[in-house]
Every structure is written in structure tokens, then in C-alpha cells.
Amino acid sequence: MRAHKTENIFALVLLFLIPYPAGAGIPADQLRQTTDKVLLILQDPRLKSPDKKTERRDQLRQLISARFDFHEMAKRSLGRHWQRISTEDQNQFLQLFTDLLERSYTDKIEAFNGEKIVFGRENQDHDHAEVDTRIVTKKGETFSVNYKLFAAKREWKVYDVVIEDISLVNNYRSQFDRILTNSSFQEFLRKLREKQFDAPGKQSGSAKVNEIASGG
């Protein structure tokens, strides 16, 4: 099923397993550094035992948070509502949204099953960049997964992931806006706390969007 395939795609959001082309620039280089560290954790025999699960996941989350700018992703995903809420509500949303993404990515990364990524073009325009990739499954099927990054001092941070032309940020923004149009912000936060949103890979509602990047 396509929904199952897209779960495998998101397992690879943080795993750039094919070497970069010779001309790859700094954004790609930094993504590669993150990849190498993720693979070291996944392949570390000391961390494979069940009693090391918490330690392994903590290390993975540290790498994820270092390369992804969850604050920027949260702000963009909430859209116009971000400026309308208090700083306290912004912080609560950021914490819940970050937990949602980190939990999903960690689950998918640990389920990695040998899919491959082929790198295409990389565009850099001052302090923004895009890295285009294609995921190749074991059956030879391909899916586009493109990363949008911005420069934060000397680091390049991911602020959006676009799968098969579907933006993760835009998809969440659409879901969140739909709920906030008819509910209070506290009710919205309650839904997040109760995990009524899932990160991409779960199937619900509109076929293509929700297969690739839906939340509940």
C-alpha cells in the first residue's frame, strides 16, 4: 500500500545514505555529517540491547534537534495563528509539536530497512538552500524527497521537507488552521497532548496528501 511506502520514505528523512556528488556544497556536507552520526548510533552494538533503548533514542533526538529547526517548523506550521497567541502558548505548542516530530522520526529511523537515496541538484541562494533527492525502494520504485534549509550562523538547518511535491509544513498548517477555525487554542493543544495528530505516514482522509504527510 502507498501509505506503507510513505512510512518507509519518512524513515529516510534523516538518513542520507548515498554519498554526495563531488560538487556538493556546505548544506549537503553538513547533512552528511548528521547522517554519519545517526548511522554510528544505529550500528553501535552497545546500544542495540532493549535496556539501551532510552539511551539510543536520546542520542538520536539530540542529532535530530541539532539539524532540524523545530522552532521555525512550528512557527511556519501554525501560520497566521502564531502571532495571535501568547508566548506561553507558543512555548507549549513548540514543545508538543517537537515531541510529535521527534517521536515519529525516531520510530521510523529505527525501522530503517535498506532503502537508498539518490541525490540530485542542490540550489543555494545566500542563506537558503534546497537539496533534492530521490528514494529508491527495494522494488525499484522512486519517490522525491526534497529538503529546504536556511543558514543559522555556521549551521544549515532543515525547516521543511517536501515529499512528492507535498510540503510537510504546508500540510500541517492546513490541518492546524482547519481545527483552529472552529476550536479554541487550548482545545487544539489538548488534541496535541492526546496525540490526535500523527506525523506523516498515517493514512486518513484525502488520499495523496494524507498518505504522504497527514496527521489525524
N, C-alpha and C. Protein backbone atom coordinates (compact mmCIF):
# COMPACT_ATOMS: atom_id res chain seq x y z
N MET A 1 0.83 -1.19 0.00
CA MET A 1 0.00 0.00 0.00
C MET A 1 0.88 1.25 0.00
N ARG A 2 0.38 2.32 -0.65
CA ARG A 2 1.16 3.55 -0.74
C ARG A 2 1.41 4.16 0.62
N ALA A 3 0.46 4.07 1.54
CA ALA A 3 0.66 4.64 2.87
C ALA A 3 1.83 3.96 3.56
N HIS A 4 1.93 2.64 3.37
CA HIS A 4 3.05 1.91 3.99
C HIS A 4 4.37 2.36 3.37
N LYS A 5 4.38 2.57 2.04
CA LYS A 5 5.59 3.00 1.37
C LYS A 5 6.03 4.37 1.87
N THR A 6 5.07 5.25 2.11
CA THR A 6 5.45 6.58 2.56
C THR A 6 5.97 6.56 3.99
N GLU A 7 5.57 5.59 4.80
CA GLU A 7 6.18 5.44 6.12
C GLU A 7 7.66 5.14 5.94
N ASN A 8 8.01 4.29 4.96
CA ASN A 8 9.41 3.99 4.71
C ASN A 8 10.15 5.22 4.22
N ILE A 9 9.46 6.07 3.43
CA ILE A 9 10.09 7.30 2.96
C ILE A 9 10.48 8.17 4.14
N PHE A 10 9.58 8.33 5.10
CA PHE A 10 9.89 9.18 6.24
C PHE A 10 10.91 8.55 7.17
N ALA A 11 11.08 7.24 7.06
CA ALA A 11 12.17 6.61 7.80
C ALA A 11 13.50 7.15 7.32
N LEU A 12 13.53 7.68 6.10
CA LEU A 12 14.77 8.13 5.50
C LEU A 12 14.95 9.63 5.54
N VAL A 13 14.04 10.34 6.14
CA VAL A 13 14.13 11.80 6.16
C VAL A 13 15.46 12.27 6.73
N LEU A 14 15.99 11.54 7.70
CA LEU A 14 17.26 11.93 8.30
C LEU A 14 18.41 11.04 7.87
N LEU A 15 18.17 10.09 6.95
CA LEU A 15 19.23 9.16 6.58
C LEU A 15 19.63 9.37 5.12
N PHE A 16 20.69 10.10 4.89
CA PHE A 16 21.15 10.38 3.54
C PHE A 16 22.28 9.39 3.26
N LEU A 17 21.92 8.23 2.70
CA LEU A 17 22.83 7.10 2.71
C LEU A 17 23.68 6.96 1.46
N ILE A 18 23.43 7.76 0.43
CA ILE A 18 24.24 7.69 -0.77
C ILE A 18 25.22 8.85 -0.75
N PRO A 19 26.52 8.62 -1.02
CA PRO A 19 27.49 9.71 -0.98
C PRO A 19 27.07 10.86 -1.88
N TYR A 20 27.40 12.07 -1.46
CA TYR A 20 27.04 13.25 -2.22
C TYR A 20 27.88 13.34 -3.49
N PRO A 21 27.33 13.96 -4.54
CA PRO A 21 28.13 14.21 -5.74
C PRO A 21 29.36 15.02 -5.40
N ALA A 22 30.36 14.94 -6.27
CA ALA A 22 31.64 15.59 -5.98
C ALA A 22 31.49 17.07 -5.75
N GLY A 23 30.49 17.71 -6.39
CA GLY A 23 30.34 19.14 -6.29
C GLY A 23 29.43 19.61 -5.19
N ALA A 24 29.05 18.70 -4.29
CA ALA A 24 28.10 19.06 -3.24
C ALA A 24 28.66 20.18 -2.38
N GLY A 25 27.78 21.09 -1.96
CA GLY A 25 28.21 22.23 -1.18
C GLY A 25 28.06 22.03 0.30
N ILE A 26 28.21 23.11 1.06
CA ILE A 26 28.21 23.05 2.51
C ILE A 26 26.91 22.49 3.09
N PRO A 27 25.71 22.89 2.61
CA PRO A 27 24.49 22.30 3.19
C PRO A 27 24.49 20.77 3.11
N ALA A 28 24.86 20.23 1.95
CA ALA A 28 24.91 18.78 1.79
C ALA A 28 25.99 18.17 2.68
N ASP A 29 27.11 18.84 2.80
CA ASP A 29 28.18 18.35 3.66
C ASP A 29 27.71 18.20 5.11
N GLN A 30 26.97 19.19 5.59
CA GLN A 30 26.52 19.15 6.97
C GLN A 30 25.45 18.08 7.17
N LEU A 31 24.60 17.87 6.16
CA LEU A 31 23.63 16.79 6.25
C LEU A 31 24.34 15.45 6.30
N ARG A 32 25.40 15.33 5.55
CA ARG A 32 26.18 14.09 5.55
C ARG A 32 26.78 13.83 6.93
N GLN A 33 27.27 14.86 7.57
CA GLN A 33 27.83 14.70 8.91
C GLN A 33 26.79 14.16 9.88
N THR A 34 25.57 14.69 9.78
CA THR A 34 24.49 14.19 10.63
C THR A 34 24.21 12.73 10.33
N THR A 35 24.18 12.38 9.05
CA THR A 35 23.92 11.00 8.65
C THR A 35 24.94 10.05 9.24
N ASP A 36 26.20 10.40 9.14
CA ASP A 36 27.25 9.53 9.66
C ASP A 36 27.06 9.26 11.15
N LYS A 37 26.68 10.29 11.88
CA LYS A 37 26.49 10.14 13.32
C LYS A 37 25.27 9.29 13.63
N VAL A 38 24.19 9.47 12.85
CA VAL A 38 22.99 8.65 13.04
C VAL A 38 23.32 7.18 12.81
N LEU A 39 24.06 6.90 11.73
CA LEU A 39 24.40 5.52 11.42
C LEU A 39 25.28 4.89 12.49
N LEU A 40 26.19 5.67 13.05
CA LEU A 40 27.03 5.15 14.13
C LEU A 40 26.18 4.72 15.32
N ILE A 41 25.16 5.51 15.64
CA ILE A 41 24.28 5.15 16.76
C ILE A 41 23.49 3.89 16.44
N LEU A 42 22.92 3.80 15.24
CA LEU A 42 22.12 2.65 14.86
C LEU A 42 22.95 1.37 14.79
N GLN A 43 24.23 1.50 14.44
CA GLN A 43 25.08 0.34 14.27
C GLN A 43 25.90 0.00 15.51
N ASP A 44 25.79 0.81 16.54
CA ASP A 44 26.58 0.59 17.76
C ASP A 44 26.04 -0.63 18.52
N PRO A 45 26.81 -1.72 18.62
CA PRO A 45 26.34 -2.92 19.32
C PRO A 45 25.96 -2.65 20.77
N ARG A 46 26.64 -1.71 21.37
CA ARG A 46 26.38 -1.39 22.78
C ARG A 46 24.99 -0.83 22.99
N LEU A 47 24.41 -0.22 21.92
CA LEU A 47 23.12 0.43 22.05
C LEU A 47 21.96 -0.40 21.49
N LYS A 48 22.24 -1.61 21.06
CA LYS A 48 21.20 -2.44 20.42
C LYS A 48 20.33 -3.20 21.41
N SER A 49 20.78 -3.40 22.61
CA SER A 49 20.02 -4.18 23.59
C SER A 49 18.79 -3.40 24.05
N PRO A 50 17.71 -4.09 24.41
CA PRO A 50 16.47 -3.43 24.84
C PRO A 50 16.66 -2.45 25.98
N ASP A 51 17.57 -2.75 26.91
CA ASP A 51 17.75 -1.87 28.05
C ASP A 51 18.50 -0.59 27.69
N LYS A 52 18.97 -0.49 26.43
CA LYS A 52 19.65 0.72 25.96
C LYS A 52 18.76 1.56 25.04
N LYS A 53 17.48 1.18 24.94
CA LYS A 53 16.58 1.87 24.02
C LYS A 53 16.47 3.36 24.35
N THR A 54 16.31 3.68 25.63
CA THR A 54 16.16 5.09 26.02
C THR A 54 17.42 5.88 25.69
N GLU A 55 18.58 5.31 25.98
CA GLU A 55 19.84 5.99 25.68
C GLU A 55 20.00 6.19 24.18
N ARG A 56 19.68 5.15 23.40
CA ARG A 56 19.80 5.24 21.95
C ARG A 56 18.89 6.33 21.39
N ARG A 57 17.65 6.35 21.86
CA ARG A 57 16.69 7.35 21.37
C ARG A 57 17.09 8.76 21.79
N ASP A 58 17.61 8.91 22.98
CA ASP A 58 18.06 10.23 23.42
C ASP A 58 19.16 10.76 22.50
N GLN A 59 20.08 9.87 22.13
CA GLN A 59 21.17 10.29 21.24
C GLN A 59 20.65 10.65 19.85
N LEU A 60 19.69 9.87 19.35
CA LEU A 60 19.09 10.17 18.05
C LEU A 60 18.36 11.51 18.08
N ARG A 61 17.63 11.76 19.15
CA ARG A 61 16.89 13.02 19.26
C ARG A 61 17.82 14.21 19.32
N GLN A 62 18.95 14.05 19.96
CA GLN A 62 19.92 15.15 20.01
C GLN A 62 20.42 15.50 18.61
N LEU A 63 20.66 14.48 17.80
CA LEU A 63 21.10 14.72 16.42
C LEU A 63 20.00 15.36 15.58
N ILE A 64 18.77 14.87 15.76
CA ILE A 64 17.64 15.41 15.02
C ILE A 64 17.46 16.88 15.34
N SER A 65 17.45 17.21 16.62
CA SER A 65 17.21 18.59 17.02
C SER A 65 18.36 19.52 16.61
N ALA A 66 19.55 18.95 16.44
CA ALA A 66 20.69 19.77 16.03
C ALA A 66 20.62 20.13 14.55
N ARG A 67 19.98 19.28 13.73
CA ARG A 67 19.93 19.55 12.29
C ARG A 67 18.61 20.15 11.84
N PHE A 68 17.52 19.85 12.57
CA PHE A 68 16.21 20.39 12.22
C PHE A 68 15.90 21.58 13.13
N ASP A 69 15.37 22.64 12.56
CA ASP A 69 14.95 23.80 13.36
C ASP A 69 13.47 23.65 13.65
N PHE A 70 13.15 22.99 14.76
CA PHE A 70 11.75 22.73 15.08
C PHE A 70 11.00 24.01 15.45
N HIS A 71 11.71 24.99 15.96
CA HIS A 71 11.05 26.27 16.26
C HIS A 71 10.54 26.90 14.97
N GLU A 72 11.36 26.93 13.95
CA GLU A 72 10.96 27.50 12.67
C GLU A 72 9.85 26.66 12.01
N MET A 73 9.96 25.34 12.11
CA MET A 73 8.94 24.47 11.55
C MET A 73 7.60 24.66 12.27
N ALA A 74 7.66 24.80 13.58
CA ALA A 74 6.44 25.01 14.36
C ALA A 74 5.79 26.34 13.99
N LYS A 75 6.60 27.38 13.91
CA LYS A 75 6.09 28.72 13.57
C LYS A 75 5.44 28.72 12.20
N ARG A 76 6.09 28.11 11.22
CA ARG A 76 5.55 28.06 9.86
C ARG A 76 4.30 27.18 9.80
N SER A 77 4.29 26.09 10.56
CA SER A 77 3.15 25.18 10.54
C SER A 77 1.91 25.82 11.17
N LEU A 78 2.11 26.67 12.15
CA LEU A 78 0.97 27.34 12.78
C LEU A 78 0.49 28.54 11.97
N GLY A 79 1.37 29.05 11.10
CA GLY A 79 0.97 30.13 10.20
C GLY A 79 0.50 31.39 10.92
N ARG A 80 -0.62 31.94 10.46
CA ARG A 80 -1.13 33.21 10.99
C ARG A 80 -1.50 33.15 12.47
N HIS A 81 -1.73 31.96 12.98
CA HIS A 81 -2.13 31.83 14.38
C HIS A 81 -0.96 32.07 15.34
N TRP A 82 0.28 31.92 14.84
CA TRP A 82 1.45 32.06 15.71
C TRP A 82 1.49 33.44 16.39
N GLN A 83 1.22 34.49 15.63
CA GLN A 83 1.31 35.84 16.17
C GLN A 83 0.11 36.21 17.04
N ARG A 84 -0.91 35.40 17.02
CA ARG A 84 -2.14 35.71 17.75
C ARG A 84 -2.17 35.10 19.16
N ILE A 85 -1.19 34.29 19.48
CA ILE A 85 -1.20 33.61 20.78
C ILE A 85 -0.09 34.15 21.66
N SER A 86 -0.20 33.88 22.94
CA SER A 86 0.77 34.37 23.90
C SER A 86 2.08 33.60 23.79
N THR A 87 3.13 34.16 24.37
CA THR A 87 4.43 33.49 24.38
C THR A 87 4.34 32.15 25.09
N GLU A 88 3.54 32.11 26.15
CA GLU A 88 3.36 30.85 26.88
C GLU A 88 2.73 29.79 25.99
N ASP A 89 1.71 30.17 25.23
CA ASP A 89 1.07 29.21 24.32
C ASP A 89 2.01 28.81 23.19
N GLN A 90 2.81 29.74 22.72
CA GLN A 90 3.79 29.41 21.68
C GLN A 90 4.76 28.35 22.20
N ASN A 91 5.22 28.53 23.43
CA ASN A 91 6.17 27.58 24.01
C ASN A 91 5.54 26.21 24.21
N GLN A 92 4.28 26.18 24.65
CA GLN A 92 3.59 24.90 24.83
C GLN A 92 3.43 24.19 23.49
N PHE A 93 3.02 24.95 22.47
CA PHE A 93 2.86 24.36 21.15
C PHE A 93 4.19 23.84 20.62
N LEU A 94 5.25 24.63 20.77
CA LEU A 94 6.57 24.22 20.29
C LEU A 94 6.99 22.90 20.92
N GLN A 95 6.79 22.78 22.23
CA GLN A 95 7.18 21.56 22.93
C GLN A 95 6.40 20.35 22.41
N LEU A 96 5.09 20.50 22.24
CA LEU A 96 4.24 19.40 21.77
C LEU A 96 4.53 19.05 20.32
N PHE A 97 4.72 20.06 19.49
CA PHE A 97 4.99 19.84 18.08
C PHE A 97 6.34 19.16 17.89
N THR A 98 7.34 19.60 18.64
CA THR A 98 8.66 18.98 18.57
C THR A 98 8.59 17.52 18.98
N ASP A 99 7.87 17.24 20.06
CA ASP A 99 7.72 15.87 20.51
C ASP A 99 7.05 15.00 19.45
N LEU A 100 6.03 15.55 18.78
CA LEU A 100 5.33 14.83 17.72
C LEU A 100 6.30 14.41 16.61
N LEU A 101 7.12 15.35 16.14
CA LEU A 101 8.03 15.05 15.04
C LEU A 101 9.18 14.16 15.48
N GLU A 102 9.78 14.46 16.63
CA GLU A 102 10.90 13.65 17.09
C GLU A 102 10.48 12.20 17.32
N ARG A 103 9.32 12.03 17.92
CA ARG A 103 8.83 10.67 18.20
C ARG A 103 8.63 9.89 16.91
N SER A 104 8.01 10.52 15.92
CA SER A 104 7.77 9.85 14.65
C SER A 104 9.07 9.53 13.93
N TYR A 105 9.96 10.52 13.82
CA TYR A 105 11.20 10.31 13.10
C TYR A 105 12.03 9.22 13.76
N THR A 106 12.08 9.21 15.09
CA THR A 106 12.86 8.20 15.79
C THR A 106 12.31 6.81 15.53
N ASP A 107 10.98 6.68 15.56
CA ASP A 107 10.35 5.39 15.26
C ASP A 107 10.74 4.91 13.87
N LYS A 108 10.65 5.82 12.89
CA LYS A 108 10.92 5.44 11.51
C LYS A 108 12.39 5.13 11.27
N ILE A 109 13.27 5.93 11.86
CA ILE A 109 14.70 5.70 11.69
C ILE A 109 15.08 4.32 12.21
N GLU A 110 14.54 3.95 13.36
CA GLU A 110 14.88 2.65 13.94
C GLU A 110 14.34 1.49 13.11
N ALA A 111 13.36 1.77 12.24
CA ALA A 111 12.79 0.73 11.39
C ALA A 111 13.43 0.73 10.00
N PHE A 112 14.50 1.46 9.82
CA PHE A 112 15.16 1.56 8.52
C PHE A 112 15.47 0.18 7.97
N ASN A 113 15.21 -0.02 6.64
CA ASN A 113 15.32 -1.35 6.06
C ASN A 113 16.06 -1.34 4.72
N GLY A 114 17.05 -0.50 4.59
CA GLY A 114 17.92 -0.60 3.43
C GLY A 114 17.51 0.13 2.17
N GLU A 115 16.49 1.00 2.21
CA GLU A 115 16.18 1.80 1.04
C GLU A 115 17.36 2.74 0.72
N LYS A 116 17.42 3.19 -0.52
CA LYS A 116 18.54 4.02 -0.94
C LYS A 116 18.07 5.41 -1.35
N ILE A 117 18.97 6.37 -1.25
CA ILE A 117 18.68 7.75 -1.66
C ILE A 117 19.67 8.17 -2.73
N VAL A 118 19.15 8.73 -3.80
CA VAL A 118 19.99 9.25 -4.88
C VAL A 118 19.87 10.78 -4.86
N PHE A 119 21.00 11.45 -4.81
CA PHE A 119 20.98 12.90 -4.73
C PHE A 119 20.97 13.54 -6.11
N GLY A 120 20.15 14.58 -6.24
CA GLY A 120 20.07 15.35 -7.47
C GLY A 120 20.72 16.71 -7.28
N ARG A 121 20.03 17.74 -7.74
CA ARG A 121 20.61 19.08 -7.70
C ARG A 121 20.54 19.67 -6.30
N GLU A 122 21.45 20.58 -6.06
CA GLU A 122 21.45 21.38 -4.83
C GLU A 122 21.51 22.84 -5.22
N ASN A 123 20.54 23.61 -4.77
CA ASN A 123 20.50 25.04 -5.05
C ASN A 123 20.74 25.83 -3.77
N GLN A 124 21.63 26.80 -3.84
CA GLN A 124 21.90 27.66 -2.69
C GLN A 124 21.77 29.11 -3.11
N ASP A 125 20.96 29.85 -2.39
CA ASP A 125 20.75 31.27 -2.66
C ASP A 125 20.97 32.04 -1.37
N HIS A 126 22.18 32.54 -1.21
CA HIS A 126 22.56 33.26 0.01
C HIS A 126 22.36 32.36 1.24
N ASP A 127 21.37 32.69 2.08
CA ASP A 127 21.23 31.94 3.32
C ASP A 127 20.13 30.88 3.26
N HIS A 128 19.69 30.52 2.05
CA HIS A 128 18.71 29.45 1.89
C HIS A 128 19.23 28.43 0.87
N ALA A 129 18.82 27.19 1.05
CA ALA A 129 19.28 26.14 0.14
C ALA A 129 18.21 25.05 0.03
N GLU A 130 18.26 24.31 -1.07
CA GLU A 130 17.40 23.15 -1.26
C GLU A 130 18.26 22.00 -1.75
N VAL A 131 18.02 20.83 -1.17
CA VAL A 131 18.72 19.62 -1.58
C VAL A 131 17.66 18.63 -2.06
N ASP A 132 17.74 18.26 -3.34
CA ASP A 132 16.75 17.36 -3.93
C ASP A 132 17.28 15.93 -3.93
N THR A 133 16.41 15.00 -3.54
CA THR A 133 16.78 13.60 -3.52
C THR A 133 15.65 12.74 -4.07
N ARG A 134 15.99 11.51 -4.43
CA ARG A 134 15.00 10.50 -4.79
C ARG A 134 15.26 9.27 -3.96
N ILE A 135 14.22 8.73 -3.36
CA ILE A 135 14.34 7.48 -2.62
C ILE A 135 14.01 6.33 -3.54
N VAL A 136 14.85 5.33 -3.53
CA VAL A 136 14.65 4.14 -4.35
C VAL A 136 14.38 2.95 -3.42
N THR A 137 13.20 2.34 -3.56
CA THR A 137 12.85 1.19 -2.73
C THR A 137 13.52 -0.07 -3.28
N LYS A 138 13.42 -1.15 -2.54
CA LYS A 138 14.00 -2.41 -2.98
C LYS A 138 13.34 -2.93 -4.25
N LYS A 139 12.11 -2.47 -4.52
CA LYS A 139 11.40 -2.89 -5.73
C LYS A 139 11.69 -1.97 -6.91
N GLY A 140 12.54 -0.97 -6.69
CA GLY A 140 12.89 -0.08 -7.77
C GLY A 140 11.98 1.11 -7.94
N GLU A 141 10.99 1.28 -7.06
CA GLU A 141 10.11 2.44 -7.12
C GLU A 141 10.83 3.66 -6.56
N THR A 142 10.51 4.83 -7.09
CA THR A 142 11.18 6.05 -6.66
C THR A 142 10.19 7.09 -6.16
N PHE A 143 10.62 7.88 -5.18
CA PHE A 143 9.83 8.97 -4.62
C PHE A 143 10.75 10.16 -4.40
N SER A 144 10.25 11.33 -4.69
CA SER A 144 11.06 12.53 -4.47
C SER A 144 10.92 13.01 -3.04
N VAL A 145 12.05 13.33 -2.43
CA VAL A 145 12.09 13.90 -1.08
C VAL A 145 13.10 15.04 -1.11
N ASN A 146 12.61 16.26 -0.95
CA ASN A 146 13.47 17.43 -1.05
C ASN A 146 13.51 18.19 0.27
N TYR A 147 14.66 18.72 0.58
CA TYR A 147 14.89 19.36 1.87
C TYR A 147 15.15 20.85 1.69
N LYS A 148 14.48 21.66 2.49
CA LYS A 148 14.68 23.11 2.48
C LYS A 148 15.43 23.49 3.75
N LEU A 149 16.48 24.26 3.59
CA LEU A 149 17.34 24.63 4.72
C LEU A 149 17.63 26.12 4.71
N PHE A 150 17.99 26.64 5.87
CA PHE A 150 18.47 28.02 5.95
C PHE A 150 19.70 28.05 6.84
N ALA A 151 20.51 29.07 6.62
CA ALA A 151 21.76 29.20 7.37
C ALA A 151 21.51 29.89 8.70
N ALA A 152 21.97 29.26 9.77
CA ALA A 152 21.89 29.84 11.10
C ALA A 152 23.32 29.89 11.64
N LYS A 153 23.93 31.05 11.51
CA LYS A 153 25.35 31.20 11.84
C LYS A 153 26.15 30.27 10.93
N ARG A 154 26.81 29.28 11.49
CA ARG A 154 27.62 28.38 10.65
C ARG A 154 26.94 27.04 10.39
N GLU A 155 25.71 26.93 10.78
CA GLU A 155 24.98 25.67 10.60
C GLU A 155 23.85 25.84 9.59
N TRP A 156 23.55 24.76 8.86
CA TRP A 156 22.40 24.72 7.96
C TRP A 156 21.31 23.89 8.61
N LYS A 157 20.13 24.51 8.77
CA LYS A 157 19.03 23.87 9.48
C LYS A 157 17.89 23.54 8.51
N VAL A 158 17.33 22.34 8.64
CA VAL A 158 16.17 21.95 7.84
C VAL A 158 14.93 22.60 8.44
N TYR A 159 14.14 23.27 7.58
CA TYR A 159 12.89 23.88 8.07
C TYR A 159 11.65 23.34 7.34
N ASP A 160 11.86 22.49 6.33
CA ASP A 160 10.72 21.86 5.66
C ASP A 160 11.22 20.66 4.87
N VAL A 161 10.35 19.68 4.70
CA VAL A 161 10.62 18.50 3.88
C VAL A 161 9.46 18.37 2.91
N VAL A 162 9.77 18.21 1.63
CA VAL A 162 8.74 18.14 0.59
C VAL A 162 8.79 16.75 -0.04
N ILE A 163 7.72 15.98 0.14
CA ILE A 163 7.64 14.62 -0.38
C ILE A 163 6.63 14.56 -1.51
N GLU A 164 7.12 14.15 -2.69
CA GLU A 164 6.22 14.05 -3.84
C GLU A 164 5.42 15.35 -4.02
N ASP A 165 6.12 16.49 -3.89
CA ASP A 165 5.53 17.82 -4.06
C ASP A 165 4.57 18.21 -2.94
N ILE A 166 4.55 17.47 -1.84
CA ILE A 166 3.71 17.80 -0.69
C ILE A 166 4.61 18.29 0.44
N SER A 167 4.42 19.54 0.84
CA SER A 167 5.23 20.13 1.91
C SER A 167 4.73 19.69 3.28
N LEU A 168 5.64 19.21 4.10
CA LEU A 168 5.29 18.82 5.47
C LEU A 168 4.71 20.01 6.23
N VAL A 169 5.37 21.16 6.14
CA VAL A 169 4.92 22.36 6.85
C VAL A 169 3.55 22.81 6.35
N ASN A 170 3.39 22.87 5.04
CA ASN A 170 2.10 23.32 4.49
C ASN A 170 0.97 22.37 4.85
N ASN A 171 1.27 21.09 4.88
CA ASN A 171 0.23 20.13 5.21
C ASN A 171 -0.22 20.28 6.66
N TYR A 172 0.74 20.43 7.58
CA TYR A 172 0.38 20.66 8.98
C TYR A 172 -0.37 21.98 9.14
N ARG A 173 0.08 23.00 8.41
CA ARG A 173 -0.59 24.30 8.52
C ARG A 173 -2.06 24.18 8.13
N SER A 174 -2.33 23.43 7.09
CA SER A 174 -3.71 23.23 6.65
C SER A 174 -4.54 22.52 7.71
N GLN A 175 -3.97 21.48 8.30
CA GLN A 175 -4.68 20.74 9.35
C GLN A 175 -4.93 21.62 10.57
N PHE A 176 -3.88 22.30 11.01
CA PHE A 176 -3.99 23.13 12.21
C PHE A 176 -4.99 24.27 12.01
N ASP A 177 -4.93 24.90 10.83
CA ASP A 177 -5.83 26.01 10.55
C ASP A 177 -7.28 25.55 10.55
N ARG A 178 -7.52 24.38 10.02
CA ARG A 178 -8.88 23.84 9.99
C ARG A 178 -9.44 23.65 11.41
N ILE A 179 -8.61 23.16 12.29
CA ILE A 179 -9.06 22.94 13.67
C ILE A 179 -9.22 24.26 14.42
N LEU A 180 -8.25 25.15 14.26
CA LEU A 180 -8.28 26.41 15.00
C LEU A 180 -9.38 27.35 14.51
N THR A 181 -9.89 27.12 13.32
CA THR A 181 -11.00 27.92 12.82
C THR A 181 -12.27 27.66 13.63
N ASN A 182 -12.37 26.46 14.18
CA ASN A 182 -13.59 26.06 14.89
C ASN A 182 -13.37 25.73 16.37
N SER A 183 -12.13 25.82 16.84
CA SER A 183 -11.83 25.45 18.23
C SER A 183 -10.93 26.50 18.88
N SER A 184 -10.91 26.50 20.19
CA SER A 184 -10.00 27.39 20.91
C SER A 184 -8.59 26.83 20.83
N PHE A 185 -7.62 27.68 21.14
CA PHE A 185 -6.24 27.21 21.09
C PHE A 185 -5.98 26.17 22.18
N GLN A 186 -6.65 26.29 23.31
CA GLN A 186 -6.47 25.31 24.38
C GLN A 186 -7.02 23.95 23.96
N GLU A 187 -8.12 23.95 23.23
CA GLU A 187 -8.65 22.69 22.72
C GLU A 187 -7.69 22.08 21.71
N PHE A 188 -7.09 22.92 20.89
CA PHE A 188 -6.09 22.47 19.93
C PHE A 188 -4.90 21.84 20.64
N LEU A 189 -4.41 22.48 21.70
CA LEU A 189 -3.30 21.93 22.46
C LEU A 189 -3.67 20.59 23.10
N ARG A 190 -4.92 20.50 23.54
CA ARG A 190 -5.38 19.24 24.13
C ARG A 190 -5.29 18.10 23.12
N LYS A 191 -5.65 18.38 21.89
CA LYS A 191 -5.57 17.36 20.84
C LYS A 191 -4.12 16.93 20.61
N LEU A 192 -3.21 17.90 20.67
CA LEU A 192 -1.81 17.56 20.51
C LEU A 192 -1.31 16.72 21.69
N ARG A 193 -1.70 17.09 22.89
CA ARG A 193 -1.28 16.33 24.06
C ARG A 193 -1.79 14.89 24.01
N GLU A 194 -2.99 14.72 23.49
CA GLU A 194 -3.59 13.39 23.41
C GLU A 194 -3.17 12.65 22.15
N LYS A 195 -2.20 13.26 21.43
CA LYS A 195 -1.62 12.64 20.24
C LYS A 195 -2.69 12.32 19.20
N GLN A 196 -3.61 13.24 19.00
CA GLN A 196 -4.63 13.06 17.97
C GLN A 196 -4.10 13.42 16.59
N PHE A 197 -2.87 13.90 16.56
CA PHE A 197 -2.18 14.11 15.28
C PHE A 197 -1.08 13.08 15.19
N ASP A 198 -0.89 12.53 14.01
CA ASP A 198 0.24 11.66 13.77
C ASP A 198 1.15 12.34 12.76
N ALA A 199 2.43 12.05 12.86
CA ALA A 199 3.35 12.55 11.86
C ALA A 199 3.15 11.78 10.57
N PRO A 200 3.73 12.24 9.47
CA PRO A 200 3.49 11.66 8.16
C PRO A 200 3.67 10.16 8.11
N GLY A 201 2.87 9.55 7.23
CA GLY A 201 2.94 8.12 7.05
C GLY A 201 1.67 7.42 7.44
N LYS A 202 0.78 8.11 8.16
CA LYS A 202 -0.50 7.53 8.54
C LYS A 202 -1.54 7.91 7.51
N GLN A 203 -2.43 6.98 7.18
CA GLN A 203 -3.42 7.25 6.14
C GLN A 203 -4.72 7.70 6.76
N SER A 204 -5.24 8.79 6.23
CA SER A 204 -6.56 9.27 6.63
C SER A 204 -7.00 10.32 5.64
N GLY A 205 -8.29 10.39 5.38
CA GLY A 205 -8.82 11.47 4.57
C GLY A 205 -8.29 11.54 3.16
N SER A 206 -8.01 12.74 2.70
CA SER A 206 -7.59 12.99 1.32
C SER A 206 -6.38 12.16 0.95
N ALA A 207 -6.51 11.38 -0.11
CA ALA A 207 -5.57 10.32 -0.42
C ALA A 207 -4.12 10.75 -0.49
N LYS A 208 -3.74 11.54 -1.49
CA LYS A 208 -2.33 11.81 -1.69
C LYS A 208 -1.73 12.60 -0.54
N VAL A 209 -2.38 13.65 -0.11
CA VAL A 209 -1.83 14.47 0.97
C VAL A 209 -1.70 13.67 2.24
N ASN A 210 -2.73 12.97 2.62
CA ASN A 210 -2.72 12.29 3.90
C ASN A 210 -1.90 11.03 3.90
N GLU A 211 -1.73 10.40 2.73
CA GLU A 211 -0.84 9.24 2.66
C GLU A 211 0.58 9.68 2.91
N ILE A 212 0.92 10.88 2.40
CA ILE A 212 2.30 11.32 2.48
C ILE A 212 2.59 12.12 3.73
N ALA A 213 1.69 12.97 4.15
CA ALA A 213 2.03 13.87 5.25
C ALA A 213 0.87 14.19 6.13
N SER A 214 0.07 13.21 6.48
CA SER A 214 -1.12 13.56 7.23
C SER A 214 -0.96 13.39 8.72
N GLY A 215 -1.84 13.93 9.43
CA GLY A 215 -1.88 13.79 10.85
C GLY A 215 -3.19 13.46 11.38
N GLY A 216 -4.11 13.25 11.65
CA GLY A 216 -5.28 12.68 12.03
C GLY A 216 -6.43 13.48 12.03
